[in-house]
């Protein structure tokens, strides 16, 4: 016993399916846009972080390499504070 479905119901269902898929495509575009923006921002943040880290490492290496054992850069400031 087959049930017959009227043609107008079939055409409405197919139109609804098309509308749903177009809404899904719009959502996918928004999600892709958001993911792309977050990815680019994260990459820029990592580049800035690596630059800051490399600058501090270079400063430490220069300080270790050219450090004078007998000179303390803060010593004269300490002696001024204690004489007050």
PDB file of N, CA and C in Angstrom:
ATOM      1  N   UNK A   1       0.821  -1.163   0.000  1.00  0.00           N
ATOM      2  CA  UNK A   1       0.000   0.000   0.000  1.00  0.00           C
ATOM      3  C   UNK A   1       0.882   1.249   0.000  1.00  0.00           C
ATOM      4  N   UNK A   2       1.064   1.740  -1.148  1.00  0.00           N
ATOM      5  CA  UNK A   2       1.872   2.951  -1.294  1.00  0.00           C
ATOM      6  C   UNK A   2       1.028   4.175  -1.047  1.00  0.00           C
ATOM      7  N   UNK A   3       1.673   5.141  -0.439  1.00  0.00           N
ATOM      8  CA  UNK A   3       1.002   6.412  -0.239  1.00  0.00           C
ATOM      9  C   UNK A   3       1.469   7.369  -1.316  1.00  0.00           C
ATOM     10  N   UNK A   4       0.544   8.057  -1.881  1.00  0.00           N
ATOM     11  CA  UNK A   4       0.914   9.028  -2.906  1.00  0.00           C
ATOM     12  C   UNK A   4       1.037  10.399  -2.262  1.00  0.00           C
ATOM     13  N   UNK A   5       2.147  11.066  -2.592  1.00  0.00           N
ATOM     14  CA  UNK A   5       2.393  12.401  -2.054  1.00  0.00           C
ATOM     15  C   UNK A   5       2.041  13.413  -3.140  1.00  0.00           C
ATOM     16  N   UNK A   6       1.233  14.411  -2.801  1.00  0.00           N
ATOM     17  CA  UNK A   6       0.892  15.425  -3.802  1.00  0.00           C
ATOM     18  C   UNK A   6       2.149  16.165  -4.285  1.00  0.00           C
ATOM     19  N   UNK A   7       2.140  16.559  -5.549  1.00  0.00           N
ATOM     20  CA  UNK A   7       3.311  17.188  -6.158  1.00  0.00           C
ATOM     21  C   UNK A   7       3.668  18.524  -5.515  1.00  0.00           C
ATOM     22  N   UNK A   8       2.680  19.281  -5.080  1.00  0.00           N
ATOM     23  CA  UNK A   8       2.994  20.584  -4.491  1.00  0.00           C
ATOM     24  C   UNK A   8       3.769  20.427  -3.178  1.00  0.00           C
ATOM     25  N   UNK A   9       3.565  19.347  -2.445  1.00  0.00           N
ATOM     26  CA  UNK A   9       4.343  19.111  -1.228  1.00  0.00           C
ATOM     27  C   UNK A   9       5.790  18.750  -1.558  1.00  0.00           C
ATOM     28  N   UNK A  10       5.972  18.014  -2.622  1.00  0.00           N
ATOM     29  CA  UNK A  10       7.329  17.636  -3.023  1.00  0.00           C
ATOM     30  C   UNK A  10       8.116  18.869  -3.443  1.00  0.00           C
ATOM     31  N   UNK A  11       7.486  19.756  -4.226  1.00  0.00           N
ATOM     32  CA  UNK A  11       8.199  20.946  -4.695  1.00  0.00           C
ATOM     33  C   UNK A  11       8.513  21.888  -3.530  1.00  0.00           C
ATOM     34  N   UNK A  12       7.620  22.004  -2.551  1.00  0.00           N
ATOM     35  CA  UNK A  12       7.894  22.849  -1.384  1.00  0.00           C
ATOM     36  C   UNK A  12       9.070  22.309  -0.584  1.00  0.00           C
ATOM     37  N   UNK A  13       9.115  21.003  -0.399  1.00  0.00           N
ATOM     38  CA  UNK A  13      10.218  20.403   0.350  1.00  0.00           C
ATOM     39  C   UNK A  13      11.554  20.627  -0.347  1.00  0.00           C
ATOM     40  N   UNK A  14      11.572  20.523  -1.669  1.00  0.00           N
ATOM     41  CA  UNK A  14      12.828  20.726  -2.387  1.00  0.00           C
ATOM     42  C   UNK A  14      13.267  22.184  -2.295  1.00  0.00           C
ATOM     43  N   UNK A  15      12.314  23.139  -2.313  1.00  0.00           N
ATOM     44  CA  UNK A  15      12.664  24.555  -2.164  1.00  0.00           C
ATOM     45  C   UNK A  15      13.199  24.836  -0.768  1.00  0.00           C
ATOM     46  N   UNK A  16      12.575  24.246   0.237  1.00  0.00           N
ATOM     47  CA  UNK A  16      13.062  24.435   1.604  1.00  0.00           C
ATOM     48  C   UNK A  16      14.474  23.901   1.758  1.00  0.00           C
ATOM     49  N   UNK A  17      14.753  22.792   1.125  1.00  0.00           N
ATOM     50  CA  UNK A  17      16.093  22.207   1.203  1.00  0.00           C
ATOM     51  C   UNK A  17      17.116  23.146   0.559  1.00  0.00           C
ATOM     52  N   UNK A  18      16.746  23.759  -0.562  1.00  0.00           N
ATOM     53  CA  UNK A  18      17.653  24.705  -1.223  1.00  0.00           C
ATOM     54  C   UNK A  18      17.908  25.916  -0.337  1.00  0.00           C
ATOM     55  N   UNK A  19      16.862  26.429   0.291  1.00  0.00           N
ATOM     56  CA  UNK A  19      17.036  27.583   1.169  1.00  0.00           C
ATOM     57  C   UNK A  19      17.922  27.244   2.356  1.00  0.00           C
ATOM     58  N   UNK A  20      17.743  26.077   2.894  1.00  0.00           N
ATOM     59  CA  UNK A  20      18.570  25.667   4.033  1.00  0.00           C
ATOM     60  C   UNK A  20      20.034  25.556   3.627  1.00  0.00           C
ATOM     61  N   UNK A  21      20.280  25.008   2.446  1.00  0.00           N
ATOM     62  CA  UNK A  21      21.668  24.853   2.016  1.00  0.00           C
ATOM     63  C   UNK A  21      22.306  26.212   1.750  1.00  0.00           C
ATOM     64  N   UNK A  22      21.550  27.175   1.226  1.00  0.00           N
ATOM     65  CA  UNK A  22      22.130  28.500   0.993  1.00  0.00           C
ATOM     66  C   UNK A  22      22.416  29.197   2.320  1.00  0.00           C
ATOM     67  N   UNK A  23      21.555  29.004   3.324  1.00  0.00           N
ATOM     68  CA  UNK A  23      21.832  29.556   4.649  1.00  0.00           C
ATOM     69  C   UNK A  23      23.074  28.916   5.244  1.00  0.00           C
ATOM     70  N   UNK A  24      23.222  27.619   5.036  1.00  0.00           N
ATOM     71  CA  UNK A  24      24.405  26.924   5.532  1.00  0.00           C
ATOM     72  C   UNK A  24      25.671  27.434   4.864  1.00  0.00           C
ATOM     73  N   UNK A  25      25.574  27.728   3.565  1.00  0.00           N
ATOM     74  CA  UNK A  25      26.731  28.268   2.854  1.00  0.00           C
ATOM     75  C   UNK A  25      27.097  29.644   3.390  1.00  0.00           C
ATOM     76  N   UNK A  26      26.097  30.468   3.702  1.00  0.00           N
ATOM     77  CA  UNK A  26      26.371  31.791   4.275  1.00  0.00           C
ATOM     78  C   UNK A  26      27.048  31.650   5.631  1.00  0.00           C
ATOM     79  N   UNK A  27      26.584  30.703   6.428  1.00  0.00           N
ATOM     80  CA  UNK A  27      27.202  30.481   7.735  1.00  0.00           C
ATOM     81  C   UNK A  27      28.638  30.013   7.575  1.00  0.00           C
ATOM     82  N   UNK A  28      28.867  29.120   6.602  1.00  0.00           N
ATOM     83  CA  UNK A  28      30.223  28.638   6.369  1.00  0.00           C
ATOM     84  C   UNK A  28      31.146  29.774   5.959  1.00  0.00           C
ATOM     85  N   UNK A  29      30.647  30.710   5.156  1.00  0.00           N
ATOM     86  CA  UNK A  29      31.466  31.848   4.757  1.00  0.00           C
ATOM     87  C   UNK A  29      31.808  32.706   5.966  1.00  0.00           C
ATOM     88  N   UNK A  30      30.839  32.926   6.842  1.00  0.00           N
ATOM     89  CA  UNK A  30      31.103  33.714   8.051  1.00  0.00           C
ATOM     90  C   UNK A  30      32.113  33.012   8.946  1.00  0.00           C
ATOM     91  N   UNK A  31      31.956  31.726   9.107  1.00  0.00           N
ATOM     92  CA  UNK A  31      32.882  30.965   9.952  1.00  0.00           C
ATOM     93  C   UNK A  31      34.276  30.996   9.347  1.00  0.00           C
ATOM     94  N   UNK A  32      34.376  30.834   8.041  1.00  0.00           N
ATOM     95  CA  UNK A  32      35.683  30.893   7.381  1.00  0.00           C
ATOM     96  C   UNK A  32      36.321  32.254   7.564  1.00  0.00           C
ATOM     97  N   UNK A  33      35.528  33.311   7.445  1.00  0.00           N
ATOM     98  CA  UNK A  33      36.036  34.673   7.624  1.00  0.00           C
ATOM     99  C   UNK A  33      36.556  34.873   9.044  1.00  0.00           C
ATOM    100  N   UNK A  34      35.797  34.433  10.025  1.00  0.00           N
ATOM    101  CA  UNK A  34      36.209  34.579  11.427  1.00  0.00           C
ATOM    102  C   UNK A  34      37.469  33.775  11.702  1.00  0.00           C
ATOM    103  N   UNK A  35      37.514  32.541  11.222  1.00  0.00           N
ATOM    104  CA  UNK A  35      38.695  31.697  11.433  1.00  0.00           C
ATOM    105  C   UNK A  35      39.912  32.314  10.752  1.00  0.00           C
ATOM    106  N   UNK A  36      39.723  32.860   9.571  1.00  0.00           N
ATOM    107  CA  UNK A  36      40.826  33.516   8.867  1.00  0.00           C
ATOM    108  C   UNK A  36      41.351  34.717   9.623  1.00  0.00           C
ATOM    109  N   UNK A  37      40.445  35.547  10.141  1.00  0.00           N
ATOM    110  CA  UNK A  37      40.867  36.729  10.911  1.00  0.00           C
ATOM    111  C   UNK A  37      41.613  36.325  12.176  1.00  0.00           C
ATOM    112  N   UNK A  38      41.110  35.335  12.876  1.00  0.00           N
ATOM    113  CA  UNK A  38      41.766  34.880  14.104  1.00  0.00           C
ATOM    114  C   UNK A  38      43.134  34.287  13.789  1.00  0.00           C
ATOM    115  N   UNK A  39      43.238  33.561  12.696  1.00  0.00           N
ATOM    116  CA  UNK A  39      44.516  32.963  12.310  1.00  0.00           C
ATOM    117  C   UNK A  39      45.546  34.035  11.984  1.00  0.00           C
ATOM    118  N   UNK A  40      45.146  35.027  11.206  1.00  0.00           N
ATOM    119  CA  UNK A  40      46.070  36.108  10.846  1.00  0.00           C
ATOM    120  C   UNK A  40      46.502  36.874  12.083  1.00  0.00           C
ATOM    121  N   UNK A  41      45.578  37.163  12.984  1.00  0.00           N
ATOM    122  CA  UNK A  41      45.914  37.865  14.219  1.00  0.00           C
ATOM    123  C   UNK A  41      46.879  37.047  15.064  1.00  0.00           C
ATOM    124  N   UNK A  42      46.660  35.757  15.141  1.00  0.00           N
ATOM    125  CA  UNK A  42      47.552  34.894  15.919  1.00  0.00           C
ATOM    126  C   UNK A  42      48.949  34.853  15.317  1.00  0.00           C
ATOM    127  N   UNK A  43      49.031  34.805  14.003  1.00  0.00           N
ATOM    128  CA  UNK A  43      50.342  34.780  13.348  1.00  0.00           C
ATOM    129  C   UNK A  43      51.081  36.085  13.608  1.00  0.00           C
ATOM    130  N   UNK A  44      50.396  37.226  13.501  1.00  0.00           N
ATOM    131  CA  UNK A  44      51.043  38.503  13.805  1.00  0.00           C
ATOM    132  C   UNK A  44      51.492  38.556  15.261  1.00  0.00           C
ATOM    133  N   UNK A  45      50.681  38.046  16.161  1.00  0.00           N
ATOM    134  CA  UNK A  45      51.061  38.012  17.571  1.00  0.00           C
ATOM    135  C   UNK A  45      52.291  37.163  17.809  1.00  0.00           C
ATOM    136  N   UNK A  46      52.368  36.016  17.142  1.00  0.00           N
ATOM    137  CA  UNK A  46      53.550  35.159  17.280  1.00  0.00           C
ATOM    138  C   UNK A  46      54.795  35.832  16.715  1.00  0.00           C
ATOM    139  N   UNK A  47      54.652  36.544  15.605  1.00  0.00           N
ATOM    140  CA  UNK A  47      55.802  37.252  15.030  1.00  0.00           C
ATOM    141  C   UNK A  47      56.301  38.319  15.994  1.00  0.00           C
ATOM    142  N   UNK A  48      55.395  39.087  16.574  1.00  0.00           N
ATOM    143  CA  UNK A  48      55.789  40.124  17.537  1.00  0.00           C
ATOM    144  C   UNK A  48      56.435  39.491  18.760  1.00  0.00           C
ATOM    145  N   UNK A  49      55.876  38.397  19.247  1.00  0.00           N
ATOM    146  CA  UNK A  49      56.444  37.702  20.401  1.00  0.00           C
ATOM    147  C   UNK A  49      57.854  37.206  20.107  1.00  0.00           C
ATOM    148  N   UNK A  50      58.059  36.622  18.936  1.00  0.00           N
ATOM    149  CA  UNK A  50      59.388  36.134  18.569  1.00  0.00           C
ATOM    150  C   UNK A  50      60.386  37.280  18.425  1.00  0.00           C
ATOM    151  N   UNK A  51      59.946  38.412  17.884  1.00  0.00           N
ATOM    152  CA  UNK A  51      60.837  39.571  17.790  1.00  0.00           C
ATOM    153  C   UNK A  51      61.249  40.067  19.172  1.00  0.00           C
ATOM    154  N   UNK A  52      60.289  40.169  20.076  1.00  0.00           N
ATOM    155  CA  UNK A  52      60.612  40.623  21.432  1.00  0.00           C
ATOM    156  C   UNK A  52      61.538  39.636  22.128  1.00  0.00           C
ATOM    157  N   UNK A  53      61.293  38.361  21.956  1.00  0.00           N
ATOM    158  CA  UNK A  53      62.137  37.339  22.562  1.00  0.00           C
ATOM    159  C   UNK A  53      63.546  37.383  21.985  1.00  0.00           C
ATOM    160  N   UNK A  54      63.652  37.561  20.683  1.00  0.00           N
ATOM    161  CA  UNK A  54      64.984  37.608  20.073  1.00  0.00           C
ATOM    162  C   UNK A  54      65.756  38.840  20.525  1.00  0.00           C
ATOM    163  N   UNK A  55      65.082  39.965  20.701  1.00  0.00           N
ATOM    164  CA  UNK A  55      65.763  41.176  21.180  1.00  0.00           C
ATOM    165  C   UNK A  55      66.305  40.961  22.583  1.00  0.00           C
ATOM    166  N   UNK A  56      65.519  40.361  23.462  1.00  0.00           N
ATOM    167  CA  UNK A  56      66.013  40.131  24.825  1.00  0.00           C
ATOM    168  C   UNK A  56      67.160  39.128  24.837  1.00  0.00           C
ATOM    169  N   UNK A  57      67.091  38.104  24.010  1.00  0.00           N
ATOM    170  CA  UNK A  57      68.186  37.130  23.957  1.00  0.00           C
ATOM    171  C   UNK A  57      69.455  37.798  23.432  1.00  0.00           C
ATOM    172  N   UNK A  58      69.331  38.642  22.420  1.00  0.00           N
ATOM    173  CA  UNK A  58      70.496  39.358  21.896  1.00  0.00           C
ATOM    174  C   UNK A  58      71.091  40.263  22.966  1.00  0.00           C
ATOM    175  N   UNK A  59      70.241  40.950  23.727  1.00  0.00           N
ATOM    176  CA  UNK A  59      70.748  41.818  24.795  1.00  0.00           C
ATOM    177  C   UNK A  59      71.485  41.010  25.855  1.00  0.00           C
ATOM    178  N   UNK A  60      70.970  39.858  26.218  1.00  0.00           N
ATOM    179  CA  UNK A  60      71.638  39.011  27.213  1.00  0.00           C
ATOM    180  C   UNK A  60      72.981  38.528  26.685  1.00  0.00           C
ATOM    181  N   UNK A  61      73.027  38.119  25.426  1.00  0.00           N
ATOM    182  CA  UNK A  61      74.284  37.637  24.842  1.00  0.00           C
ATOM    183  C   UNK A  61      75.311  38.754  24.788  1.00  0.00           C
ATOM    184  N   UNK A  62      74.899  39.940  24.381  1.00  0.00           N
ATOM    185  CA  UNK A  62      75.829  41.078  24.337  1.00  0.00           C
ATOM    186  C   UNK A  62      76.315  41.413  25.735  1.00  0.00           C
ATOM    187  N   UNK A  63      75.434  41.391  26.716  1.00  0.00           N
ATOM    188  CA  UNK A  63      75.819  41.701  28.090  1.00  0.00           C
ATOM    189  C   UNK A  63      76.807  40.669  28.626  1.00  0.00           C
ATOM    190  N   UNK A  64      76.585  39.406  28.344  1.00  0.00           N
ATOM    191  CA  UNK A  64      77.499  38.364  28.820  1.00  0.00           C
ATOM    192  C   UNK A  64      78.853  38.493  28.126  1.00  0.00           C
ATOM    193  N   UNK A  65      78.829  38.790  26.851  1.00  0.00           N
ATOM    194  CA  UNK A  65      80.070  38.839  26.073  1.00  0.00           C
ATOM    195  C   UNK A  65      80.926  40.052  26.433  1.00  0.00           C
ATOM    196  N   UNK A  66      80.322  41.192  26.667  1.00  0.00           N
ATOM    197  CA  UNK A  66      81.075  42.428  26.910  1.00  0.00           C
ATOM    198  C   UNK A  66      80.916  42.936  28.335  1.00  0.00           C
ATOM    199  N   UNK A  67      80.738  42.063  29.254  1.00  0.00           N
ATOM    200  CA  UNK A  67      80.548  42.457  30.651  1.00  0.00           C
ATOM    201  C   UNK A  67      81.903  42.622  31.338  1.00  0.00           C
ATOM    202  N   UNK A  68      82.058  43.726  32.045  1.00  0.00           N
ATOM    203  CA  UNK A  68      83.284  43.976  32.800  1.00  0.00           C
ATOM    204  C   UNK A  68      83.074  43.457  34.215  1.00  0.00           C
ATOM    205  N   UNK A  69      83.963  42.587  34.675  1.00  0.00           N
ATOM    206  CA  UNK A  69      83.798  41.965  35.991  1.00  0.00           C
ATOM    207  C   UNK A  69      83.932  42.973  37.131  1.00  0.00           C
ATOM    208  N   UNK A  70      84.694  44.036  36.926  1.00  0.00           N
ATOM    209  CA  UNK A  70      84.985  44.970  38.014  1.00  0.00           C
ATOM    210  C   UNK A  70      84.070  46.188  38.018  1.00  0.00           C
ATOM    211  N   UNK A  71      83.177  46.282  37.088  1.00  0.00           N
ATOM    212  CA  UNK A  71      82.290  47.436  37.025  1.00  0.00           C
ATOM    213  C   UNK A  71      80.853  46.991  37.255  1.00  0.00           C
ATOM    214  N   UNK A  72      80.220  47.613  38.227  1.00  0.00           N
ATOM    215  CA  UNK A  72      78.809  47.355  38.504  1.00  0.00           C
ATOM    216  C   UNK A  72      78.040  48.632  38.177  1.00  0.00           C
ATOM    217  N   UNK A  73      77.158  48.564  37.234  1.00  0.00           N
ATOM    218  CA  UNK A  73      76.470  49.771  36.765  1.00  0.00           C
ATOM    219  C   UNK A  73      75.526  50.355  37.805  1.00  0.00           C
ATOM    220  N   UNK A  74      75.141  49.580  38.784  1.00  0.00           N
ATOM    221  CA  UNK A  74      74.187  50.074  39.777  1.00  0.00           C
ATOM    222  C   UNK A  74      74.885  50.494  41.077  1.00  0.00           C
ATOM    223  N   UNK A  75      76.173  50.214  41.189  1.00  0.00           N
ATOM    224  CA  UNK A  75      76.876  50.465  42.450  1.00  0.00           C
ATOM    225  C   UNK A  75      76.885  51.943  42.820  1.00  0.00           C
ATOM    226  N   UNK A  76      77.168  52.827  41.903  1.00  0.00           N
ATOM    227  CA  UNK A  76      77.212  54.251  42.228  1.00  0.00           C
ATOM    228  C   UNK A  76      75.828  54.765  42.624  1.00  0.00           C
ATOM    229  N   UNK A  77      74.795  54.220  42.094  1.00  0.00           N
ATOM    230  CA  UNK A  77      73.444  54.628  42.488  1.00  0.00           C
ATOM    231  C   UNK A  77      73.137  54.158  43.911  1.00  0.00           C
ATOM    232  N   UNK A  78      73.591  52.979  44.262  1.00  0.00           N
ATOM    233  CA  UNK A  78      73.370  52.473  45.615  1.00  0.00           C
ATOM    234  C   UNK A  78      74.130  53.307  46.641  1.00  0.00           C
ATOM    235  N   UNK A  79      75.360  53.671  46.318  1.00  0.00           N
ATOM    236  CA  UNK A  79      76.151  54.445  47.273  1.00  0.00           C
ATOM    237  C   UNK A  79      75.546  55.827  47.478  1.00  0.00           C
ATOM    238  N   UNK A  80      74.953  56.413  46.458  1.00  0.00           N
ATOM    239  CA  UNK A  80      74.301  57.709  46.613  1.00  0.00           C
ATOM    240  C   UNK A  80      73.086  57.591  47.531  1.00  0.00           C
ATOM    241  N   UNK A  81      72.358  56.515  47.411  1.00  0.00           N
ATOM    242  CA  UNK A  81      71.164  56.340  48.239  1.00  0.00           C
ATOM    243  C   UNK A  81      71.541  56.122  49.703  1.00  0.00           C
ATOM    244  N   UNK A  82      72.618  55.396  49.962  1.00  0.00           N
ATOM    245  CA  UNK A  82      72.982  55.109  51.343  1.00  0.00           C
ATOM    246  C   UNK A  82      73.660  56.295  52.022  1.00  0.00           C
ATOM    247  N   UNK A  83      74.211  57.226  51.261  1.00  0.00           N
ATOM    248  CA  UNK A  83      74.843  58.402  51.855  1.00  0.00           C
ATOM    249  C   UNK A  83      73.818  59.436  52.283  1.00  0.00           C
ATOM    250  N   UNK A  84      72.619  59.344  51.788  1.00  0.00           N
ATOM    251  CA  UNK A  84      71.590  60.324  52.145  1.00  0.00           C
ATOM    252  C   UNK A  84      71.232  60.118  53.555  1.00  0.00           C
TER     253      UNK A  84
END
